[in-house]
Each structure stands twice: as C-alpha cells, then as structure tokens.
Amino acid sequence: MKPITPVPHIDTTVSVSGSKSLTQRALIASALASGDSQLLGPLASEDTRYTIAALAAMGLRVDTSDPDCWRVAGTGG
C-alpha cells in the first residue's frame, strides 16, 4: 500500500465555467421574475445569444455589457 502524505493548506479560488443550459434557464426564470436579476458567471454561446434575442423580441431587456454579470429586467410573469 502506498502512503498518502497530506499537503499543507492551500489558499486558492477555483472558477467553474458556466453552463449553457443553466444560463438559458436562468435567463428565462429572470425574465419571468419581478424586478431586476443578475446572472453571475453566465456562459456566452450561440444558444444563449438566441435565447437573449428571443427575449428581446418579446420586449425584455438583457444587459450583457459585463461578461461576468448579465442583468435581466423581469416582467413579473
């Protein structure tokens, strides 16, 4: 059996890449919510751009000027 030696404490931050399906769900849920929503760490992809375009065609505002924090103005249902 090979012994395992513990490593000293590591202080770091790990960022997990965004998910296309979770980003799309968050966009739609935010559009239905009341007030403004922030999506932190969204995944910009062709599919999410189509979702944003569909929401915009229905009159919703989605601000993607900050790639790390998208803002959605909800409609309240």
PDB file of N, CA and C in Angstrom:
ATOM      1  N   MET A   1       0.840  -1.164   0.000  1.00  0.00           N
ATOM      2  CA  MET A   1       0.000   0.000   0.000  1.00  0.00           C
ATOM      3  C   MET A   1       0.892   1.235   0.000  1.00  0.00           C
ATOM      4  N   LYS A   2       0.514   2.211  -0.800  1.00  0.00           N
ATOM      5  CA  LYS A   2       1.288   3.438  -0.901  1.00  0.00           C
ATOM      6  C   LYS A   2       0.734   4.465   0.089  1.00  0.00           C
ATOM      7  N   PRO A   3       1.597   5.025   0.946  1.00  0.00           N
ATOM      8  CA  PRO A   3       1.107   6.020   1.906  1.00  0.00           C
ATOM      9  C   PRO A   3       0.776   7.347   1.213  1.00  0.00           C
ATOM     10  N   ILE A   4      -0.229   8.020   1.734  1.00  0.00           N
ATOM     11  CA  ILE A   4      -0.629   9.326   1.208  1.00  0.00           C
ATOM     12  C   ILE A   4      -0.249  10.379   2.232  1.00  0.00           C
ATOM     13  N   THR A   5       0.554  11.324   1.796  1.00  0.00           N
ATOM     14  CA  THR A   5       1.002  12.400   2.678  1.00  0.00           C
ATOM     15  C   THR A   5       0.140  13.626   2.438  1.00  0.00           C
ATOM     16  N   PRO A   6      -0.494  14.166   3.485  1.00  0.00           N
ATOM     17  CA  PRO A   6      -1.322  15.356   3.293  1.00  0.00           C
ATOM     18  C   PRO A   6      -0.482  16.554   2.870  1.00  0.00           C
ATOM     19  N   VAL A   7      -1.091  17.416   2.082  1.00  0.00           N
ATOM     20  CA  VAL A   7      -0.422  18.642   1.659  1.00  0.00           C
ATOM     21  C   VAL A   7      -0.765  19.749   2.642  1.00  0.00           C
ATOM     22  N   PRO A   8       0.081  20.768   2.723  1.00  0.00           N
ATOM     23  CA  PRO A   8      -0.250  21.898   3.599  1.00  0.00           C
ATOM     24  C   PRO A   8      -1.466  22.640   3.055  1.00  0.00           C
ATOM     25  N   HIS A   9      -2.028  23.486   3.867  1.00  0.00           N
ATOM     26  CA  HIS A   9      -3.210  24.264   3.481  1.00  0.00           C
ATOM     27  C   HIS A   9      -2.935  25.042   2.198  1.00  0.00           C
ATOM     28  N   ILE A  10      -3.888  24.992   1.279  1.00  0.00           N
ATOM     29  CA  ILE A  10      -3.778  25.722   0.020  1.00  0.00           C
ATOM     30  C   ILE A  10      -4.878  26.778   0.008  1.00  0.00           C
ATOM     31  N   ASP A  11      -4.499  28.020  -0.209  1.00  0.00           N
ATOM     32  CA  ASP A  11      -5.459  29.118  -0.276  1.00  0.00           C
ATOM     33  C   ASP A  11      -5.609  29.528  -1.731  1.00  0.00           C
ATOM     34  N   THR A  12      -6.730  29.154  -2.339  1.00  0.00           N
ATOM     35  CA  THR A  12      -6.932  29.432  -3.753  1.00  0.00           C
ATOM     36  C   THR A  12      -8.413  29.593  -4.057  1.00  0.00           C
ATOM     37  N   THR A  13      -8.704  30.062  -5.230  1.00  0.00           N
ATOM     38  CA  THR A  13     -10.074  30.174  -5.709  1.00  0.00           C
ATOM     39  C   THR A  13     -10.170  29.428  -7.023  1.00  0.00           C
ATOM     40  N   VAL A  14     -11.233  28.672  -7.179  1.00  0.00           N
ATOM     41  CA  VAL A  14     -11.462  27.932  -8.413  1.00  0.00           C
ATOM     42  C   VAL A  14     -12.741  28.454  -9.045  1.00  0.00           C
ATOM     43  N   SER A  15     -12.658  28.816 -10.301  1.00  0.00           N
ATOM     44  CA  SER A  15     -13.841  29.255 -11.037  1.00  0.00           C
ATOM     45  C   SER A  15     -14.290  28.132 -11.953  1.00  0.00           C
ATOM     46  N   VAL A  16     -15.553  27.791 -11.856  1.00  0.00           N
ATOM     47  CA  VAL A  16     -16.116  26.753 -12.703  1.00  0.00           C
ATOM     48  C   VAL A  16     -16.760  27.437 -13.901  1.00  0.00           C
ATOM     49  N   SER A  17     -16.505  26.909 -15.081  1.00  0.00           N
ATOM     50  CA  SER A  17     -17.065  27.532 -16.276  1.00  0.00           C
ATOM     51  C   SER A  17     -18.585  27.437 -16.266  1.00  0.00           C
ATOM     52  N   GLY A  18     -19.221  28.391 -16.939  1.00  0.00           N
ATOM     53  CA  GLY A  18     -20.673  28.439 -16.978  1.00  0.00           C
ATOM     54  C   GLY A  18     -21.268  27.269 -17.747  1.00  0.00           C
ATOM     55  N   SER A  19     -22.556  27.082 -17.570  1.00  0.00           N
ATOM     56  CA  SER A  19     -23.283  26.017 -18.241  1.00  0.00           C
ATOM     57  C   SER A  19     -24.298  26.637 -19.193  1.00  0.00           C
ATOM     58  N   LYS A  20     -24.322  26.147 -20.423  1.00  0.00           N
ATOM     59  CA  LYS A  20     -25.252  26.685 -21.411  1.00  0.00           C
ATOM     60  C   LYS A  20     -26.696  26.485 -20.957  1.00  0.00           C
ATOM     61  N   SER A  21     -27.041  25.277 -20.540  1.00  0.00           N
ATOM     62  CA  SER A  21     -28.433  25.016 -20.165  1.00  0.00           C
ATOM     63  C   SER A  21     -28.834  25.781 -18.910  1.00  0.00           C
ATOM     64  N   LEU A  22     -27.930  25.884 -17.937  1.00  0.00           N
ATOM     65  CA  LEU A  22     -28.258  26.645 -16.728  1.00  0.00           C
ATOM     66  C   LEU A  22     -28.388  28.132 -17.033  1.00  0.00           C
ATOM     67  N   THR A  23     -27.554  28.640 -17.939  1.00  0.00           N
ATOM     68  CA  THR A  23     -27.645  30.050 -18.317  1.00  0.00           C
ATOM     69  C   THR A  23     -28.982  30.326 -18.998  1.00  0.00           C
ATOM     70  N   GLN A  24     -29.404  29.437 -19.893  1.00  0.00           N
ATOM     71  CA  GLN A  24     -30.686  29.633 -20.571  1.00  0.00           C
ATOM     72  C   GLN A  24     -31.844  29.590 -19.573  1.00  0.00           C
ATOM     73  N   ARG A  25     -31.816  28.645 -18.653  1.00  0.00           N
ATOM     74  CA  ARG A  25     -32.877  28.556 -17.641  1.00  0.00           C
ATOM     75  C   ARG A  25     -32.902  29.801 -16.770  1.00  0.00           C
ATOM     76  N   ALA A  26     -31.725  30.279 -16.393  1.00  0.00           N
ATOM     77  CA  ALA A  26     -31.651  31.481 -15.552  1.00  0.00           C
ATOM     78  C   ALA A  26     -32.171  32.704 -16.304  1.00  0.00           C
ATOM     79  N   LEU A  27     -31.875  32.804 -17.594  1.00  0.00           N
ATOM     80  CA  LEU A  27     -32.389  33.918 -18.396  1.00  0.00           C
ATOM     81  C   LEU A  27     -33.918  33.912 -18.414  1.00  0.00           C
ATOM     82  N   ILE A  28     -34.506  32.744 -18.647  1.00  0.00           N
ATOM     83  CA  ILE A  28     -35.962  32.640 -18.734  1.00  0.00           C
ATOM     84  C   ILE A  28     -36.604  32.877 -17.373  1.00  0.00           C
ATOM     85  N   ALA A  29     -36.040  32.282 -16.315  1.00  0.00           N
ATOM     86  CA  ALA A  29     -36.584  32.497 -14.968  1.00  0.00           C
ATOM     87  C   ALA A  29     -36.476  33.967 -14.576  1.00  0.00           C
ATOM     88  N   SER A  30     -35.369  34.605 -14.929  1.00  0.00           N
ATOM     89  CA  SER A  30     -35.181  36.027 -14.615  1.00  0.00           C
ATOM     90  C   SER A  30     -36.171  36.892 -15.379  1.00  0.00           C
ATOM     91  N   ALA A  31     -36.471  36.498 -16.609  1.00  0.00           N
ATOM     92  CA  ALA A  31     -37.437  37.249 -17.406  1.00  0.00           C
ATOM     93  C   ALA A  31     -38.828  37.180 -16.780  1.00  0.00           C
ATOM     94  N   LEU A  32     -39.155  36.064 -16.146  1.00  0.00           N
ATOM     95  CA  LEU A  32     -40.466  35.889 -15.520  1.00  0.00           C
ATOM     96  C   LEU A  32     -40.535  36.481 -14.119  1.00  0.00           C
ATOM     97  N   ALA A  33     -39.391  36.731 -13.510  1.00  0.00           N
ATOM     98  CA  ALA A  33     -39.350  37.249 -12.137  1.00  0.00           C
ATOM     99  C   ALA A  33     -39.745  38.719 -12.099  1.00  0.00           C
ATOM    100  N   SER A  34     -40.111  39.174 -10.907  1.00  0.00           N
ATOM    101  CA  SER A  34     -40.387  40.600 -10.710  1.00  0.00           C
ATOM    102  C   SER A  34     -39.079  41.317 -10.417  1.00  0.00           C
ATOM    103  N   GLY A  35     -38.875  42.463 -11.029  1.00  0.00           N
ATOM    104  CA  GLY A  35     -37.670  43.247 -10.770  1.00  0.00           C
ATOM    105  C   GLY A  35     -36.487  42.784 -11.586  1.00  0.00           C
ATOM    106  N   ASP A  36     -35.331  43.334 -11.250  1.00  0.00           N
ATOM    107  CA  ASP A  36     -34.101  43.026 -11.980  1.00  0.00           C
ATOM    108  C   ASP A  36     -33.385  41.836 -11.364  1.00  0.00           C
ATOM    109  N   SER A  37     -32.754  41.042 -12.209  1.00  0.00           N
ATOM    110  CA  SER A  37     -31.955  39.898 -11.775  1.00  0.00           C
ATOM    111  C   SER A  37     -30.550  40.032 -12.331  1.00  0.00           C
ATOM    112  N   GLN A  38     -29.589  39.458 -11.612  1.00  0.00           N
ATOM    113  CA  GLN A  38     -28.204  39.411 -12.067  1.00  0.00           C
ATOM    114  C   GLN A  38     -27.805  37.957 -12.250  1.00  0.00           C
ATOM    115  N   LEU A  39     -27.225  37.640 -13.387  1.00  0.00           N
ATOM    116  CA  LEU A  39     -26.694  36.311 -13.647  1.00  0.00           C
ATOM    117  C   LEU A  39     -25.179  36.402 -13.551  1.00  0.00           C
ATOM    118  N   LEU A  40     -24.621  35.765 -12.542  1.00  0.00           N
ATOM    119  CA  LEU A  40     -23.173  35.812 -12.326  1.00  0.00           C
ATOM    120  C   LEU A  40     -22.505  34.622 -12.995  1.00  0.00           C
ATOM    121  N   GLY A  41     -21.503  34.890 -13.795  1.00  0.00           N
ATOM    122  CA  GLY A  41     -20.751  33.837 -14.474  1.00  0.00           C
ATOM    123  C   GLY A  41     -21.538  33.110 -15.549  1.00  0.00           C
ATOM    124  N   PRO A  42     -22.331  33.826 -16.355  1.00  0.00           N
ATOM    125  CA  PRO A  42     -23.100  33.151 -17.401  1.00  0.00           C
ATOM    126  C   PRO A  42     -22.191  32.667 -18.529  1.00  0.00           C
ATOM    127  N   LEU A  43     -22.695  31.707 -19.280  1.00  0.00           N
ATOM    128  CA  LEU A  43     -21.939  31.204 -20.426  1.00  0.00           C
ATOM    129  C   LEU A  43     -22.467  31.860 -21.698  1.00  0.00           C
ATOM    130  N   ALA A  44     -21.616  32.606 -22.360  1.00  0.00           N
ATOM    131  CA  ALA A  44     -21.981  33.217 -23.642  1.00  0.00           C
ATOM    132  C   ALA A  44     -21.738  32.190 -24.741  1.00  0.00           C
ATOM    133  N   SER A  45     -22.802  31.807 -25.408  1.00  0.00           N
ATOM    134  CA  SER A  45     -22.693  30.839 -26.500  1.00  0.00           C
ATOM    135  C   SER A  45     -23.720  31.204 -27.563  1.00  0.00           C
ATOM    136  N   GLU A  46     -23.679  30.516 -28.669  1.00  0.00           N
ATOM    137  CA  GLU A  46     -24.649  30.782 -29.731  1.00  0.00           C
ATOM    138  C   GLU A  46     -26.069  30.559 -29.212  1.00  0.00           C
ATOM    139  N   ASP A  47     -26.284  29.487 -28.468  1.00  0.00           N
ATOM    140  CA  ASP A  47     -27.619  29.189 -27.950  1.00  0.00           C
ATOM    141  C   ASP A  47     -28.102  30.245 -26.962  1.00  0.00           C
ATOM    142  N   THR A  48     -27.216  30.707 -26.074  1.00  0.00           N
ATOM    143  CA  THR A  48     -27.659  31.724 -25.118  1.00  0.00           C
ATOM    144  C   THR A  48     -27.916  33.050 -25.830  1.00  0.00           C
ATOM    145  N   ARG A  49     -27.173  33.337 -26.891  1.00  0.00           N
ATOM    146  CA  ARG A  49     -27.444  34.555 -27.669  1.00  0.00           C
ATOM    147  C   ARG A  49     -28.815  34.472 -28.347  1.00  0.00           C
ATOM    148  N   TYR A  50     -29.186  33.282 -28.831  1.00  0.00           N
ATOM    149  CA  TYR A  50     -30.519  33.105 -29.418  1.00  0.00           C
ATOM    150  C   TYR A  50     -31.607  33.282 -28.360  1.00  0.00           C
ATOM    151  N   THR A  51     -31.366  32.792 -27.158  1.00  0.00           N
ATOM    152  CA  THR A  51     -32.338  32.965 -26.076  1.00  0.00           C
ATOM    153  C   THR A  51     -32.505  34.440 -25.750  1.00  0.00           C
ATOM    154  N   ILE A  52     -31.392  35.166 -25.677  1.00  0.00           N
ATOM    155  CA  ILE A  52     -31.449  36.610 -25.408  1.00  0.00           C
ATOM    156  C   ILE A  52     -32.200  37.324 -26.531  1.00  0.00           C
ATOM    157  N   ALA A  53     -31.946  36.933 -27.777  1.00  0.00           N
ATOM    158  CA  ALA A  53     -32.633  37.553 -28.914  1.00  0.00           C
ATOM    159  C   ALA A  53     -34.137  37.282 -28.853  1.00  0.00           C
ATOM    160  N   ALA A  54     -34.522  36.072 -28.453  1.00  0.00           N
ATOM    161  CA  ALA A  54     -35.945  35.744 -28.332  1.00  0.00           C
ATOM    162  C   ALA A  54     -36.592  36.575 -27.232  1.00  0.00           C
ATOM    163  N   LEU A  55     -35.907  36.730 -26.104  1.00  0.00           N
ATOM    164  CA  LEU A  55     -36.434  37.552 -25.015  1.00  0.00           C
ATOM    165  C   LEU A  55     -36.548  39.010 -25.457  1.00  0.00           C
ATOM    166  N   ALA A  56     -35.544  39.495 -26.179  1.00  0.00           N
ATOM    167  CA  ALA A  56     -35.570  40.880 -26.668  1.00  0.00           C
ATOM    168  C   ALA A  56     -36.721  41.086 -27.654  1.00  0.00           C
ATOM    169  N   ALA A  57     -37.006  40.079 -28.478  1.00  0.00           N
ATOM    170  CA  ALA A  57     -38.108  40.174 -29.433  1.00  0.00           C
ATOM    171  C   ALA A  57     -39.452  40.287 -28.720  1.00  0.00           C
ATOM    172  N   MET A  58     -39.503  39.805 -27.470  1.00  0.00           N
ATOM    173  CA  MET A  58     -40.727  39.916 -26.661  1.00  0.00           C
ATOM    174  C   MET A  58     -40.717  41.167 -25.792  1.00  0.00           C
ATOM    175  N   GLY A  59     -39.693  42.015 -25.997  1.00  0.00           N
ATOM    176  CA  GLY A  59     -39.652  43.295 -25.297  1.00  0.00           C
ATOM    177  C   GLY A  59     -38.860  43.317 -24.004  1.00  0.00           C
ATOM    178  N   LEU A  60     -38.141  42.256 -23.684  1.00  0.00           N
ATOM    179  CA  LEU A  60     -37.347  42.221 -22.455  1.00  0.00           C
ATOM    180  C   LEU A  60     -35.975  42.835 -22.674  1.00  0.00           C
ATOM    181  N   ARG A  61     -35.432  43.399 -21.604  1.00  0.00           N
ATOM    182  CA  ARG A  61     -34.089  43.986 -21.658  1.00  0.00           C
ATOM    183  C   ARG A  61     -33.103  43.047 -20.968  1.00  0.00           C
ATOM    184  N   VAL A  62     -32.066  42.670 -21.698  1.00  0.00           N
ATOM    185  CA  VAL A  62     -30.976  41.871 -21.139  1.00  0.00           C
ATOM    186  C   VAL A  62     -29.686  42.628 -21.419  1.00  0.00           C
ATOM    187  N   ASP A  63     -28.997  43.017 -20.355  1.00  0.00           N
ATOM    188  CA  ASP A  63     -27.744  43.772 -20.482  1.00  0.00           C
ATOM    189  C   ASP A  63     -26.579  42.805 -20.316  1.00  0.00           C
ATOM    190  N   THR A  64     -25.817  42.598 -21.384  1.00  0.00           N
ATOM    191  CA  THR A  64     -24.667  41.691 -21.353  1.00  0.00           C
ATOM    192  C   THR A  64     -23.351  42.453 -21.484  1.00  0.00           C
ATOM    193  N   SER A  65     -23.377  43.760 -21.176  1.00  0.00           N
ATOM    194  CA  SER A  65     -22.164  44.568 -21.342  1.00  0.00           C
ATOM    195  C   SER A  65     -21.038  44.113 -20.419  1.00  0.00           C
ATOM    196  N   ASP A  66     -21.376  43.539 -19.265  1.00  0.00           N
ATOM    197  CA  ASP A  66     -20.370  42.951 -18.372  1.00  0.00           C
ATOM    198  C   ASP A  66     -20.417  41.441 -18.589  1.00  0.00           C
ATOM    199  N   PRO A  67     -19.389  40.842 -19.174  1.00  0.00           N
ATOM    200  CA  PRO A  67     -19.439  39.416 -19.487  1.00  0.00           C
ATOM    201  C   PRO A  67     -19.553  38.515 -18.257  1.00  0.00           C
ATOM    202  N   ASP A  68     -19.231  39.038 -17.081  1.00  0.00           N
ATOM    203  CA  ASP A  68     -19.298  38.238 -15.859  1.00  0.00           C
ATOM    204  C   ASP A  68     -20.598  38.419 -15.091  1.00  0.00           C
ATOM    205  N   CYS A  69     -21.410  39.397 -15.475  1.00  0.00           N
ATOM    206  CA  CYS A  69     -22.655  39.671 -14.758  1.00  0.00           C
ATOM    207  C   CYS A  69     -23.687  40.242 -15.723  1.00  0.00           C
ATOM    208  N   TRP A  70     -24.587  39.384 -16.188  1.00  0.00           N
ATOM    209  CA  TRP A  70     -25.655  39.842 -17.060  1.00  0.00           C
ATOM    210  C   TRP A  70     -26.816  40.316 -16.201  1.00  0.00           C
ATOM    211  N   ARG A  71     -27.518  41.336 -16.671  1.00  0.00           N
ATOM    212  CA  ARG A  71     -28.666  41.882 -15.939  1.00  0.00           C
ATOM    213  C   ARG A  71     -29.923  41.719 -16.796  1.00  0.00           C
ATOM    214  N   VAL A  72     -30.965  41.200 -16.147  1.00  0.00           N
ATOM    215  CA  VAL A  72     -32.230  40.957 -16.831  1.00  0.00           C
ATOM    216  C   VAL A  72     -33.324  41.735 -16.114  1.00  0.00           C
ATOM    217  N   ALA A  73     -34.086  42.524 -16.872  1.00  0.00           N
ATOM    218  CA  ALA A  73     -35.230  43.251 -16.316  1.00  0.00           C
ATOM    219  C   ALA A  73     -36.447  42.337 -16.406  1.00  0.00           C
ATOM    220  N   GLY A  74     -36.889  41.831 -15.261  1.00  0.00           N
ATOM    221  CA  GLY A  74     -38.007  40.890 -15.231  1.00  0.00           C
ATOM    222  C   GLY A  74     -39.346  41.541 -15.519  1.00  0.00           C
ATOM    223  N   THR A  75     -40.307  40.707 -15.909  1.00  0.00           N
ATOM    224  CA  THR A  75     -41.638  41.185 -16.271  1.00  0.00           C
ATOM    225  C   THR A  75     -42.677  40.901 -15.192  1.00  0.00           C
ATOM    226  N   GLY A  76     -42.317  40.106 -14.204  1.00  0.00           N
ATOM    227  CA  GLY A  76     -43.279  39.748 -13.169  1.00  0.00           C
ATOM    228  C   GLY A  76     -44.284  38.706 -13.628  1.00  0.00           C
ATOM    229  N   GLY A  77     -43.896  37.923 -14.613  1.00  0.00           N
ATOM    230  CA  GLY A  77     -44.771  36.829 -15.003  1.00  0.00           C
ATOM    231  C   GLY A  77     -45.079  36.829 -16.442  1.00  0.00           C
TER     232      GLY A  77
END
